[in-house]
């Protein structure tokens, strides 16, 4: 887990997500790389995987603040992200895969993915 990788990802996100400020991009970069490295999205597990960048309990609190930041306009961020994903495909047609999983009577999770090379 090199700092170089993190800085490259920060630069890429800053170009692709102009809706975010510098510190918001840094938080997103750190969290998203942590999710990839941890292969989980649980804040505790992500923070543990990023121990090279700070104390896990401090990183977890930082991620909690980032996720609940009211100044981040999620709709604008999602629009930027969807544009980025769609531009990455050279195909005439984009196939979306949608899956809903009910975890209880009051909680469902919706997953949307993109079919790529028959996967």
PDB file of N, CA and C in Angstrom:
ATOM      1  N   UNK A   1       0.844  -1.177   0.000  1.00  0.00           N
ATOM      2  CA  UNK A   1       0.000   0.000   0.000  1.00  0.00           C
ATOM      3  C   UNK A   1       0.886   1.236   0.000  1.00  0.00           C
ATOM      4  N   UNK A   2       1.155   1.733  -1.148  1.00  0.00           N
ATOM      5  CA  UNK A   2       2.062   2.865  -1.231  1.00  0.00           C
ATOM      6  C   UNK A   2       1.308   4.188  -1.240  1.00  0.00           C
ATOM      7  N   UNK A   3       1.997   5.204  -0.762  1.00  0.00           N
ATOM      8  CA  UNK A   3       1.419   6.548  -0.818  1.00  0.00           C
ATOM      9  C   UNK A   3       1.297   7.012  -2.261  1.00  0.00           C
ATOM     10  N   UNK A   4       2.192   6.528  -3.118  1.00  0.00           N
ATOM     11  CA  UNK A   4       2.123   6.888  -4.534  1.00  0.00           C
ATOM     12  C   UNK A   4       0.806   6.470  -5.163  1.00  0.00           C
ATOM     13  N   UNK A   5       0.360   5.271  -4.833  1.00  0.00           N
ATOM     14  CA  UNK A   5      -0.928   4.784  -5.344  1.00  0.00           C
ATOM     15  C   UNK A   5      -2.058   5.695  -4.869  1.00  0.00           C
ATOM     16  N   UNK A   6      -2.009   6.056  -3.590  1.00  0.00           N
ATOM     17  CA  UNK A   6      -3.035   6.937  -3.044  1.00  0.00           C
ATOM     18  C   UNK A   6      -3.032   8.282  -3.759  1.00  0.00           C
ATOM     19  N   UNK A   7      -1.867   8.862  -3.980  1.00  0.00           N
ATOM     20  CA  UNK A   7      -1.791  10.176  -4.631  1.00  0.00           C
ATOM     21  C   UNK A   7      -2.260  10.120  -6.079  1.00  0.00           C
ATOM     22  N   UNK A   8      -1.940   9.038  -6.785  1.00  0.00           N
ATOM     23  CA  UNK A   8      -2.439   8.875  -8.156  1.00  0.00           C
ATOM     24  C   UNK A   8      -3.967   8.789  -8.167  1.00  0.00           C
ATOM     25  N   UNK A   9      -4.521   8.068  -7.205  1.00  0.00           N
ATOM     26  CA  UNK A   9      -5.973   7.904  -7.131  1.00  0.00           C
ATOM     27  C   UNK A   9      -6.635   9.228  -6.762  1.00  0.00           C
ATOM     28  N   UNK A  10      -6.008   9.994  -5.883  1.00  0.00           N
ATOM     29  CA  UNK A  10      -6.538  11.325  -5.539  1.00  0.00           C
ATOM     30  C   UNK A  10      -6.598  12.191  -6.791  1.00  0.00           C
ATOM     31  N   UNK A  11      -5.518  12.188  -7.585  1.00  0.00           N
ATOM     32  CA  UNK A  11      -5.498  12.995  -8.815  1.00  0.00           C
ATOM     33  C   UNK A  11      -6.588  12.562  -9.789  1.00  0.00           C
ATOM     34  N   UNK A  12      -6.761  11.242  -9.934  1.00  0.00           N
ATOM     35  CA  UNK A  12      -7.795  10.732 -10.849  1.00  0.00           C
ATOM     36  C   UNK A  12      -9.197  11.138 -10.375  1.00  0.00           C
ATOM     37  N   UNK A  13      -9.463  10.966  -9.089  1.00  0.00           N
ATOM     38  CA  UNK A  13     -10.771  11.332  -8.553  1.00  0.00           C
ATOM     39  C   UNK A  13     -11.024  12.832  -8.660  1.00  0.00           C
ATOM     40  N   UNK A  14     -10.008  13.631  -8.447  1.00  0.00           N
ATOM     41  CA  UNK A  14     -10.172  15.082  -8.552  1.00  0.00           C
ATOM     42  C   UNK A  14     -10.582  15.468  -9.973  1.00  0.00           C
ATOM     43  N   UNK A  15     -10.024  14.792 -10.976  1.00  0.00           N
ATOM     44  CA  UNK A  15     -10.413  15.063 -12.368  1.00  0.00           C
ATOM     45  C   UNK A  15     -11.825  14.586 -12.664  1.00  0.00           C
ATOM     46  N   UNK A  16     -12.167  13.420 -12.133  1.00  0.00           N
ATOM     47  CA  UNK A  16     -13.458  12.799 -12.460  1.00  0.00           C
ATOM     48  C   UNK A  16     -14.613  13.299 -11.597  1.00  0.00           C
ATOM     49  N   UNK A  17     -14.304  13.831 -10.425  1.00  0.00           N
ATOM     50  CA  UNK A  17     -15.342  14.257  -9.476  1.00  0.00           C
ATOM     51  C   UNK A  17     -15.153  15.740  -9.120  1.00  0.00           C
ATOM     52  N   UNK A  18     -15.348  16.632 -10.091  1.00  0.00           N
ATOM     53  CA  UNK A  18     -15.135  18.058  -9.818  1.00  0.00           C
ATOM     54  C   UNK A  18     -16.128  18.633  -8.802  1.00  0.00           C
ATOM     55  N   UNK A  19     -17.135  17.866  -8.447  1.00  0.00           N
ATOM     56  CA  UNK A  19     -18.134  18.313  -7.480  1.00  0.00           C
ATOM     57  C   UNK A  19     -17.592  18.276  -6.050  1.00  0.00           C
ATOM     58  N   UNK A  20     -16.451  17.629  -5.848  1.00  0.00           N
ATOM     59  CA  UNK A  20     -15.888  17.495  -4.505  1.00  0.00           C
ATOM     60  C   UNK A  20     -14.705  18.428  -4.305  1.00  0.00           C
ATOM     61  N   UNK A  21     -14.571  18.918  -3.087  1.00  0.00           N
ATOM     62  CA  UNK A  21     -13.416  19.723  -2.723  1.00  0.00           C
ATOM     63  C   UNK A  21     -12.202  18.845  -2.481  1.00  0.00           C
ATOM     64  N   UNK A  22     -11.052  19.477  -2.259  1.00  0.00           N
ATOM     65  CA  UNK A  22      -9.795  18.750  -2.094  1.00  0.00           C
ATOM     66  C   UNK A  22      -9.845  17.727  -0.958  1.00  0.00           C
ATOM     67  N   UNK A  23     -10.348  18.124   0.202  1.00  0.00           N
ATOM     68  CA  UNK A  23     -10.373  17.214   1.350  1.00  0.00           C
ATOM     69  C   UNK A  23     -11.436  16.138   1.187  1.00  0.00           C
ATOM     70  N   UNK A  24     -12.519  16.471   0.479  1.00  0.00           N
ATOM     71  CA  UNK A  24     -13.546  15.472   0.212  1.00  0.00           C
ATOM     72  C   UNK A  24     -13.006  14.406  -0.743  1.00  0.00           C
ATOM     73  N   UNK A  25     -12.249  14.820  -1.759  1.00  0.00           N
ATOM     74  CA  UNK A  25     -11.623  13.877  -2.699  1.00  0.00           C
ATOM     75  C   UNK A  25     -10.615  12.991  -1.963  1.00  0.00           C
ATOM     76  N   UNK A  26      -9.842  13.589  -1.073  1.00  0.00           N
ATOM     77  CA  UNK A  26      -8.862  12.825  -0.312  1.00  0.00           C
ATOM     78  C   UNK A  26      -9.553  11.754   0.545  1.00  0.00           C
ATOM     79  N   UNK A  27     -10.650  12.121   1.190  1.00  0.00           N
ATOM     80  CA  UNK A  27     -11.410  11.153   1.990  1.00  0.00           C
ATOM     81  C   UNK A  27     -11.969  10.032   1.142  1.00  0.00           C
ATOM     82  N   UNK A  28     -12.518  10.392  -0.018  1.00  0.00           N
ATOM     83  CA  UNK A  28     -13.062   9.378  -0.920  1.00  0.00           C
ATOM     84  C   UNK A  28     -11.963   8.461  -1.437  1.00  0.00           C
ATOM     85  N   UNK A  29     -10.820   9.028  -1.776  1.00  0.00           N
ATOM     86  CA  UNK A  29      -9.711   8.217  -2.286  1.00  0.00           C
ATOM     87  C   UNK A  29      -9.236   7.226  -1.230  1.00  0.00           C
ATOM     88  N   UNK A  30      -9.043   7.713  -0.031  1.00  0.00           N
ATOM     89  CA  UNK A  30      -8.569   6.845   1.047  1.00  0.00           C
ATOM     90  C   UNK A  30      -9.584   5.735   1.337  1.00  0.00           C
ATOM     91  N   UNK A  31     -10.858   6.117   1.433  1.00  0.00           N
ATOM     92  CA  UNK A  31     -11.883   5.122   1.737  1.00  0.00           C
ATOM     93  C   UNK A  31     -12.027   4.107   0.606  1.00  0.00           C
ATOM     94  N   UNK A  32     -12.083   4.572  -0.638  1.00  0.00           N
ATOM     95  CA  UNK A  32     -12.317   3.650  -1.754  1.00  0.00           C
ATOM     96  C   UNK A  32     -11.140   2.689  -1.940  1.00  0.00           C
ATOM     97  N   UNK A  33      -9.904   3.176  -1.775  1.00  0.00           N
ATOM     98  CA  UNK A  33      -8.768   2.257  -1.836  1.00  0.00           C
ATOM     99  C   UNK A  33      -8.821   1.255  -0.684  1.00  0.00           C
ATOM    100  N   UNK A  34      -9.230   1.729   0.482  1.00  0.00           N
ATOM    101  CA  UNK A  34      -9.363   0.838   1.622  1.00  0.00           C
ATOM    102  C   UNK A  34     -10.382  -0.258   1.380  1.00  0.00           C
ATOM    103  N   UNK A  35     -11.480   0.077   0.731  1.00  0.00           N
ATOM    104  CA  UNK A  35     -12.508  -0.917   0.408  1.00  0.00           C
ATOM    105  C   UNK A  35     -11.930  -1.973  -0.541  1.00  0.00           C
ATOM    106  N   UNK A  36     -11.180  -1.531  -1.528  1.00  0.00           N
ATOM    107  CA  UNK A  36     -10.578  -2.473  -2.476  1.00  0.00           C
ATOM    108  C   UNK A  36      -9.585  -3.385  -1.758  1.00  0.00           C
ATOM    109  N   UNK A  37      -8.715  -2.802  -0.947  1.00  0.00           N
ATOM    110  CA  UNK A  37      -7.691  -3.594  -0.264  1.00  0.00           C
ATOM    111  C   UNK A  37      -8.294  -4.516   0.796  1.00  0.00           C
ATOM    112  N   UNK A  38      -9.343  -4.037   1.494  1.00  0.00           N
ATOM    113  CA  UNK A  38      -9.963  -4.844   2.549  1.00  0.00           C
ATOM    114  C   UNK A  38     -10.946  -5.869   1.988  1.00  0.00           C
ATOM    115  N   UNK A  39     -11.394  -5.645   0.747  1.00  0.00           N
ATOM    116  CA  UNK A  39     -12.428  -6.469   0.120  1.00  0.00           C
ATOM    117  C   UNK A  39     -13.704  -6.468   0.950  1.00  0.00           C
ATOM    118  N   UNK A  40     -13.932  -5.377   1.629  1.00  0.00           N
ATOM    119  CA  UNK A  40     -15.126  -5.170   2.461  1.00  0.00           C
ATOM    120  C   UNK A  40     -15.408  -3.682   2.513  1.00  0.00           C
ATOM    121  N   UNK A  41     -16.630  -3.327   2.875  1.00  0.00           N
ATOM    122  CA  UNK A  41     -16.957  -1.905   3.005  1.00  0.00           C
ATOM    123  C   UNK A  41     -17.261  -1.503   4.444  1.00  0.00           C
ATOM    124  N   UNK A  42     -17.080  -2.414   5.376  1.00  0.00           N
ATOM    125  CA  UNK A  42     -17.278  -2.096   6.791  1.00  0.00           C
ATOM    126  C   UNK A  42     -16.198  -1.115   7.218  1.00  0.00           C
ATOM    127  N   UNK A  43     -16.609  -0.007   7.834  1.00  0.00           N
ATOM    128  CA  UNK A  43     -15.654   1.033   8.191  1.00  0.00           C
ATOM    129  C   UNK A  43     -14.504   0.516   9.043  1.00  0.00           C
ATOM    130  N   UNK A  44     -14.808  -0.360   9.980  1.00  0.00           N
ATOM    131  CA  UNK A  44     -13.762  -0.907  10.855  1.00  0.00           C
ATOM    132  C   UNK A  44     -12.731  -1.697  10.052  1.00  0.00           C
ATOM    133  N   UNK A  45     -13.194  -2.544   9.158  1.00  0.00           N
ATOM    134  CA  UNK A  45     -12.287  -3.371   8.352  1.00  0.00           C
ATOM    135  C   UNK A  45     -11.465  -2.519   7.394  1.00  0.00           C
ATOM    136  N   UNK A  46     -12.098  -1.517   6.801  1.00  0.00           N
ATOM    137  CA  UNK A  46     -11.381  -0.612   5.894  1.00  0.00           C
ATOM    138  C   UNK A  46     -10.288   0.126   6.661  1.00  0.00           C
ATOM    139  N   UNK A  47     -10.633   0.655   7.822  1.00  0.00           N
ATOM    140  CA  UNK A  47      -9.663   1.394   8.639  1.00  0.00           C
ATOM    141  C   UNK A  47      -8.498   0.500   9.065  1.00  0.00           C
ATOM    142  N   UNK A  48      -8.790  -0.750   9.395  1.00  0.00           N
ATOM    143  CA  UNK A  48      -7.723  -1.677   9.786  1.00  0.00           C
ATOM    144  C   UNK A  48      -6.752  -1.918   8.632  1.00  0.00           C
ATOM    145  N   UNK A  49      -7.279  -2.012   7.418  1.00  0.00           N
ATOM    146  CA  UNK A  49      -6.438  -2.271   6.250  1.00  0.00           C
ATOM    147  C   UNK A  49      -5.560  -1.069   5.909  1.00  0.00           C
ATOM    148  N   UNK A  50      -5.951   0.106   6.366  1.00  0.00           N
ATOM    149  CA  UNK A  50      -5.224   1.339   6.051  1.00  0.00           C
ATOM    150  C   UNK A  50      -4.341   1.802   7.205  1.00  0.00           C
ATOM    151  N   UNK A  51      -3.930   0.893   8.056  1.00  0.00           N
ATOM    152  CA  UNK A  51      -3.151   1.252   9.245  1.00  0.00           C
ATOM    153  C   UNK A  51      -1.869   2.016   8.892  1.00  0.00           C
ATOM    154  N   UNK A  52      -1.362   1.830   7.692  1.00  0.00           N
ATOM    155  CA  UNK A  52      -0.158   2.553   7.273  1.00  0.00           C
ATOM    156  C   UNK A  52      -0.412   4.051   7.139  1.00  0.00           C
ATOM    157  N   UNK A  53      -1.676   4.446   7.063  1.00  0.00           N
ATOM    158  CA  UNK A  53      -2.031   5.853   6.870  1.00  0.00           C
ATOM    159  C   UNK A  53      -2.561   6.501   8.137  1.00  0.00           C
ATOM    160  N   UNK A  54      -2.636   5.771   9.228  1.00  0.00           N
ATOM    161  CA  UNK A  54      -3.105   6.331  10.489  1.00  0.00           C
ATOM    162  C   UNK A  54      -3.653   5.256  11.406  1.00  0.00           C
ATOM    163  N   UNK A  55      -3.941   5.651  12.632  1.00  0.00           N
ATOM    164  CA  UNK A  55      -4.504   4.713  13.597  1.00  0.00           C
ATOM    165  C   UNK A  55      -5.895   4.282  13.133  1.00  0.00           C
ATOM    166  N   UNK A  56      -6.177   2.973  13.160  1.00  0.00           N
ATOM    167  CA  UNK A  56      -7.473   2.491  12.683  1.00  0.00           C
ATOM    168  C   UNK A  56      -8.680   3.174  13.335  1.00  0.00           C
ATOM    169  N   UNK A  57      -8.646   3.411  14.646  1.00  0.00           N
ATOM    170  CA  UNK A  57      -9.802   4.057  15.274  1.00  0.00           C
ATOM    171  C   UNK A  57      -9.970   5.496  14.789  1.00  0.00           C
ATOM    172  N   UNK A  58      -8.873   6.203  14.539  1.00  0.00           N
ATOM    173  CA  UNK A  58      -8.952   7.568  14.008  1.00  0.00           C
ATOM    174  C   UNK A  58      -9.483   7.568  12.576  1.00  0.00           C
ATOM    175  N   UNK A  59      -8.996   6.608  11.779  1.00  0.00           N
ATOM    176  CA  UNK A  59      -9.479   6.512  10.401  1.00  0.00           C
ATOM    177  C   UNK A  59     -10.965   6.165  10.361  1.00  0.00           C
ATOM    178  N   UNK A  60     -11.396   5.284  11.244  1.00  0.00           N
ATOM    179  CA  UNK A  60     -12.819   4.930  11.274  1.00  0.00           C
ATOM    180  C   UNK A  60     -13.672   6.155  11.588  1.00  0.00           C
ATOM    181  N   UNK A  61     -13.265   6.953  12.564  1.00  0.00           N
ATOM    182  CA  UNK A  61     -14.014   8.188  12.880  1.00  0.00           C
ATOM    183  C   UNK A  61     -13.993   9.158  11.704  1.00  0.00           C
ATOM    184  N   UNK A  62     -12.849   9.229  11.027  1.00  0.00           N
ATOM    185  CA  UNK A  62     -12.747  10.105   9.857  1.00  0.00           C
ATOM    186  C   UNK A  62     -13.732   9.663   8.788  1.00  0.00           C
ATOM    187  N   UNK A  63     -13.826   8.356   8.531  1.00  0.00           N
ATOM    188  CA  UNK A  63     -14.769   7.840   7.533  1.00  0.00           C
ATOM    189  C   UNK A  63     -16.218   8.081   7.954  1.00  0.00           C
ATOM    190  N   UNK A  64     -16.508   7.954   9.237  1.00  0.00           N
ATOM    191  CA  UNK A  64     -17.863   8.237   9.724  1.00  0.00           C
ATOM    192  C   UNK A  64     -18.239   9.686   9.434  1.00  0.00           C
ATOM    193  N   UNK A  65     -17.311  10.598   9.686  1.00  0.00           N
ATOM    194  CA  UNK A  65     -17.582  12.016   9.404  1.00  0.00           C
ATOM    195  C   UNK A  65     -17.737  12.254   7.909  1.00  0.00           C
ATOM    196  N   UNK A  66     -16.916  11.580   7.104  1.00  0.00           N
ATOM    197  CA  UNK A  66     -16.986  11.762   5.656  1.00  0.00           C
ATOM    198  C   UNK A  66     -18.341  11.301   5.127  1.00  0.00           C
ATOM    199  N   UNK A  67     -18.761  10.121   5.555  1.00  0.00           N
ATOM    200  CA  UNK A  67     -20.031   9.562   5.083  1.00  0.00           C
ATOM    201  C   UNK A  67     -21.218  10.435   5.478  1.00  0.00           C
ATOM    202  N   UNK A  68     -21.156  11.060   6.639  1.00  0.00           N
ATOM    203  CA  UNK A  68     -22.293  11.862   7.115  1.00  0.00           C
ATOM    204  C   UNK A  68     -22.143  13.350   6.815  1.00  0.00           C
ATOM    205  N   UNK A  69     -21.183  13.732   5.992  1.00  0.00           N
ATOM    206  CA  UNK A  69     -20.945  15.142   5.676  1.00  0.00           C
ATOM    207  C   UNK A  69     -22.112  15.714   4.854  1.00  0.00           C
ATOM    208  N   UNK A  70     -22.868  16.671   5.414  1.00  0.00           N
ATOM    209  CA  UNK A  70     -24.018  17.218   4.689  1.00  0.00           C
ATOM    210  C   UNK A  70     -23.611  18.111   3.513  1.00  0.00           C
ATOM    211  N   UNK A  71     -22.357  18.511   3.445  1.00  0.00           N
ATOM    212  CA  UNK A  71     -21.904  19.378   2.344  1.00  0.00           C
ATOM    213  C   UNK A  71     -21.597  18.600   1.078  1.00  0.00           C
ATOM    214  N   UNK A  72     -21.585  17.279   1.161  1.00  0.00           N
ATOM    215  CA  UNK A  72     -21.368  16.463  -0.031  1.00  0.00           C
ATOM    216  C   UNK A  72     -22.722  16.184  -0.666  1.00  0.00           C
ATOM    217  N   UNK A  73     -22.913  16.682  -1.872  1.00  0.00           N
ATOM    218  CA  UNK A  73     -24.166  16.473  -2.599  1.00  0.00           C
ATOM    219  C   UNK A  73     -24.085  15.117  -3.306  1.00  0.00           C
ATOM    220  N   UNK A  74     -24.698  14.128  -2.709  1.00  0.00           N
ATOM    221  CA  UNK A  74     -24.610  12.756  -3.212  1.00  0.00           C
ATOM    222  C   UNK A  74     -25.146  12.646  -4.638  1.00  0.00           C
ATOM    223  N   UNK A  75     -26.222  13.338  -4.950  1.00  0.00           N
ATOM    224  CA  UNK A  75     -26.780  13.246  -6.311  1.00  0.00           C
ATOM    225  C   UNK A  75     -25.786  13.740  -7.353  1.00  0.00           C
ATOM    226  N   UNK A  76     -25.128  14.840  -7.060  1.00  0.00           N
ATOM    227  CA  UNK A  76     -24.136  15.378  -7.992  1.00  0.00           C
ATOM    228  C   UNK A  76     -22.965  14.403  -8.119  1.00  0.00           C
ATOM    229  N   UNK A  77     -22.526  13.845  -6.995  1.00  0.00           N
ATOM    230  CA  UNK A  77     -21.426  12.874  -7.026  1.00  0.00           C
ATOM    231  C   UNK A  77     -21.798  11.638  -7.835  1.00  0.00           C
ATOM    232  N   UNK A  78     -22.995  11.143  -7.641  1.00  0.00           N
ATOM    233  CA  UNK A  78     -23.432   9.970  -8.392  1.00  0.00           C
ATOM    234  C   UNK A  78     -23.527  10.258  -9.881  1.00  0.00           C
ATOM    235  N   UNK A  79     -23.967  11.460 -10.231  1.00  0.00           N
ATOM    236  CA  UNK A  79     -24.028  11.854 -11.638  1.00  0.00           C
ATOM    237  C   UNK A  79     -22.637  11.849 -12.253  1.00  0.00           C
ATOM    238  N   UNK A  80     -21.664  12.427 -11.547  1.00  0.00           N
ATOM    239  CA  UNK A  80     -20.277  12.420 -12.027  1.00  0.00           C
ATOM    240  C   UNK A  80     -19.771  10.995 -12.185  1.00  0.00           C
ATOM    241  N   UNK A  81     -20.064  10.149 -11.201  1.00  0.00           N
ATOM    242  CA  UNK A  81     -19.586   8.771 -11.222  1.00  0.00           C
ATOM    243  C   UNK A  81     -20.203   7.984 -12.382  1.00  0.00           C
ATOM    244  N   UNK A  82     -21.517   8.139 -12.606  1.00  0.00           N
ATOM    245  CA  UNK A  82     -22.189   7.421 -13.692  1.00  0.00           C
ATOM    246  C   UNK A  82     -21.625   7.870 -15.037  1.00  0.00           C
ATOM    247  N   UNK A  83     -21.399   9.164 -15.204  1.00  0.00           N
ATOM    248  CA  UNK A  83     -20.789   9.651 -16.457  1.00  0.00           C
ATOM    249  C   UNK A  83     -19.425   9.005 -16.687  1.00  0.00           C
ATOM    250  N   UNK A  84     -18.646   8.907 -15.635  1.00  0.00           N
ATOM    251  CA  UNK A  84     -17.314   8.303 -15.711  1.00  0.00           C
ATOM    252  C   UNK A  84     -17.409   6.851 -16.151  1.00  0.00           C
ATOM    253  N   UNK A  85     -18.315   6.096 -15.545  1.00  0.00           N
ATOM    254  CA  UNK A  85     -18.478   4.680 -15.883  1.00  0.00           C
ATOM    255  C   UNK A  85     -18.954   4.517 -17.319  1.00  0.00           C
ATOM    256  N   UNK A  86     -19.934   5.304 -17.728  1.00  0.00           N
ATOM    257  CA  UNK A  86     -20.488   5.179 -19.080  1.00  0.00           C
ATOM    258  C   UNK A  86     -19.428   5.536 -20.126  1.00  0.00           C
ATOM    259  N   UNK A  87     -18.633   6.564 -19.864  1.00  0.00           N
ATOM    260  CA  UNK A  87     -17.574   6.946 -20.812  1.00  0.00           C
ATOM    261  C   UNK A  87     -16.505   5.866 -20.950  1.00  0.00           C
ATOM    262  N   UNK A  88     -16.338   5.055 -19.938  1.00  0.00           N
ATOM    263  CA  UNK A  88     -15.312   4.011 -19.962  1.00  0.00           C
ATOM    264  C   UNK A  88     -15.667   2.861 -20.907  1.00  0.00           C
ATOM    265  N   UNK A  89     -16.915   2.769 -21.334  1.00  0.00           N
ATOM    266  CA  UNK A  89     -17.361   1.697 -22.211  1.00  0.00           C
ATOM    267  C   UNK A  89     -17.450   2.189 -23.637  1.00  0.00           C
ATOM    268  N   UNK A  90     -16.871   1.414 -24.564  1.00  0.00           N
ATOM    269  CA  UNK A  90     -16.902   1.756 -25.991  1.00  0.00           C
ATOM    270  C   UNK A  90     -18.090   1.119 -26.695  1.00  0.00           C
ATOM    271  N   UNK A  91     -18.903   0.445 -25.960  1.00  0.00           N
ATOM    272  CA  UNK A  91     -19.968  -0.342 -26.571  1.00  0.00           C
ATOM    273  C   UNK A  91     -21.160   0.528 -26.958  1.00  0.00           C
ATOM    274  N   UNK A  92     -21.925   0.028 -27.925  1.00  0.00           N
ATOM    275  CA  UNK A  92     -23.133   0.730 -28.351  1.00  0.00           C
ATOM    276  C   UNK A  92     -24.228   0.619 -27.303  1.00  0.00           C
ATOM    277  N   UNK A  93     -24.137  -0.407 -26.484  1.00  0.00           N
ATOM    278  CA  UNK A  93     -25.200  -0.687 -25.527  1.00  0.00           C
ATOM    279  C   UNK A  93     -24.590  -1.009 -24.168  1.00  0.00           C
ATOM    280  N   UNK A  94     -25.175  -0.459 -23.145  1.00  0.00           N
ATOM    281  CA  UNK A  94     -24.740  -0.698 -21.783  1.00  0.00           C
ATOM    282  C   UNK A  94     -25.797  -1.564 -21.102  1.00  0.00           C
ATOM    283  N   UNK A  95     -25.394  -2.704 -20.553  1.00  0.00           N
ATOM    284  CA  UNK A  95     -26.325  -3.613 -19.903  1.00  0.00           C
ATOM    285  C   UNK A  95     -26.147  -3.487 -18.392  1.00  0.00           C
ATOM    286  N   UNK A  96     -27.225  -3.105 -17.710  1.00  0.00           N
ATOM    287  CA  UNK A  96     -27.200  -2.979 -16.258  1.00  0.00           C
ATOM    288  C   UNK A  96     -27.796  -4.233 -15.630  1.00  0.00           C
ATOM    289  N   UNK A  97     -27.179  -4.678 -14.557  1.00  0.00           N
ATOM    290  CA  UNK A  97     -27.663  -5.823 -13.799  1.00  0.00           C
ATOM    291  C   UNK A  97     -28.151  -5.297 -12.459  1.00  0.00           C
ATOM    292  N   UNK A  98     -29.377  -5.602 -12.105  1.00  0.00           N
ATOM    293  CA  UNK A  98     -29.981  -5.075 -10.880  1.00  0.00           C
ATOM    294  C   UNK A  98     -30.394  -6.245  -9.994  1.00  0.00           C
ATOM    295  N   UNK A  99     -30.045  -6.136  -8.718  1.00  0.00           N
ATOM    296  CA  UNK A  99     -30.384  -7.189  -7.765  1.00  0.00           C
ATOM    297  C   UNK A  99     -30.842  -6.538  -6.466  1.00  0.00           C
ATOM    298  N   UNK A 100     -31.955  -7.016  -5.933  1.00  0.00           N
ATOM    299  CA  UNK A 100     -32.438  -6.538  -4.644  1.00  0.00           C
ATOM    300  C   UNK A 100     -32.389  -7.697  -3.653  1.00  0.00           C
ATOM    301  N   UNK A 101     -31.845  -7.419  -2.486  1.00  0.00           N
ATOM    302  CA  UNK A 101     -31.776  -8.410  -1.422  1.00  0.00           C
ATOM    303  C   UNK A 101     -32.482  -7.858  -0.196  1.00  0.00           C
ATOM    304  N   UNK A 102     -33.470  -8.583   0.298  1.00  0.00           N
ATOM    305  CA  UNK A 102     -34.174  -8.169   1.507  1.00  0.00           C
ATOM    306  C   UNK A 102     -33.456  -8.757   2.717  1.00  0.00           C
ATOM    307  N   UNK A 103     -33.018  -7.872   3.615  1.00  0.00           N
ATOM    308  CA  UNK A 103     -32.333  -8.322   4.824  1.00  0.00           C
ATOM    309  C   UNK A 103     -33.292  -8.492   5.988  1.00  0.00           C
ATOM    310  N   UNK A 104     -34.406  -7.802   5.918  1.00  0.00           N
ATOM    311  CA  UNK A 104     -35.448  -7.922   6.937  1.00  0.00           C
ATOM    312  C   UNK A 104     -36.710  -7.284   6.368  1.00  0.00           C
ATOM    313  N   UNK A 105     -37.739  -7.160   7.194  1.00  0.00           N
ATOM    314  CA  UNK A 105     -38.983  -6.555   6.715  1.00  0.00           C
ATOM    315  C   UNK A 105     -38.827  -5.078   6.381  1.00  0.00           C
ATOM    316  N   UNK A 106     -37.867  -4.426   6.994  1.00  0.00           N
ATOM    317  CA  UNK A 106     -37.731  -2.980   6.801  1.00  0.00           C
ATOM    318  C   UNK A 106     -36.425  -2.574   6.119  1.00  0.00           C
ATOM    319  N   UNK A 107     -35.608  -3.534   5.675  1.00  0.00           N
ATOM    320  CA  UNK A 107     -34.325  -3.193   5.073  1.00  0.00           C
ATOM    321  C   UNK A 107     -34.058  -4.037   3.832  1.00  0.00           C
ATOM    322  N   UNK A 108     -33.816  -3.340   2.725  1.00  0.00           N
ATOM    323  CA  UNK A 108     -33.458  -3.991   1.468  1.00  0.00           C
ATOM    324  C   UNK A 108     -32.204  -3.321   0.917  1.00  0.00           C
ATOM    325  N   UNK A 109     -31.440  -4.079   0.176  1.00  0.00           N
ATOM    326  CA  UNK A 109     -30.242  -3.549  -0.469  1.00  0.00           C
ATOM    327  C   UNK A 109     -30.417  -3.715  -1.971  1.00  0.00           C
ATOM    328  N   UNK A 110     -30.143  -2.647  -2.703  1.00  0.00           N
ATOM    329  CA  UNK A 110     -30.223  -2.686  -4.156  1.00  0.00           C
ATOM    330  C   UNK A 110     -28.811  -2.581  -4.708  1.00  0.00           C
ATOM    331  N   UNK A 111     -28.420  -3.532  -5.554  1.00  0.00           N
ATOM    332  CA  UNK A 111     -27.108  -3.532  -6.185  1.00  0.00           C
ATOM    333  C   UNK A 111     -27.316  -3.352  -7.670  1.00  0.00           C
ATOM    334  N   UNK A 112     -26.585  -2.415  -8.244  1.00  0.00           N
ATOM    335  CA  UNK A 112     -26.631  -2.201  -9.692  1.00  0.00           C
ATOM    336  C   UNK A 112     -25.218  -2.408 -10.208  1.00  0.00           C
ATOM    337  N   UNK A 113     -25.090  -3.255 -11.204  1.00  0.00           N
ATOM    338  CA  UNK A 113     -23.790  -3.528 -11.792  1.00  0.00           C
ATOM    339  C   UNK A 113     -23.861  -3.376 -13.295  1.00  0.00           C
ATOM    340  N   UNK A 114     -22.710  -3.411 -13.925  1.00  0.00           N
ATOM    341  CA  UNK A 114     -22.625  -3.304 -15.380  1.00  0.00           C
ATOM    342  C   UNK A 114     -22.101  -4.618 -15.914  1.00  0.00           C
ATOM    343  N   UNK A 115     -22.800  -5.179 -16.899  1.00  0.00           N
ATOM    344  CA  UNK A 115     -22.325  -6.404 -17.542  1.00  0.00           C
ATOM    345  C   UNK A 115     -21.154  -6.042 -18.432  1.00  0.00           C
ATOM    346  N   UNK A 116     -20.075  -6.805 -18.294  1.00  0.00           N
ATOM    347  CA  UNK A 116     -18.867  -6.532 -19.072  1.00  0.00           C
ATOM    348  C   UNK A 116     -18.262  -7.849 -19.518  1.00  0.00           C
ATOM    349  N   UNK A 117     -18.085  -7.999 -20.825  1.00  0.00           N
ATOM    350  CA  UNK A 117     -17.514  -9.218 -21.412  1.00  0.00           C
ATOM    351  C   UNK A 117     -18.182 -10.474 -20.858  1.00  0.00           C
ATOM    352  N   UNK A 118     -19.494 -10.500 -20.901  1.00  0.00           N
ATOM    353  CA  UNK A 118     -20.333 -11.614 -20.462  1.00  0.00           C
ATOM    354  C   UNK A 118     -20.141 -11.942 -18.990  1.00  0.00           C
ATOM    355  N   UNK A 119     -19.774 -10.950 -18.173  1.00  0.00           N
ATOM    356  CA  UNK A 119     -19.671 -11.105 -16.732  1.00  0.00           C
ATOM    357  C   UNK A 119     -20.465 -10.013 -16.073  1.00  0.00           C
TER     358      UNK A 119
END
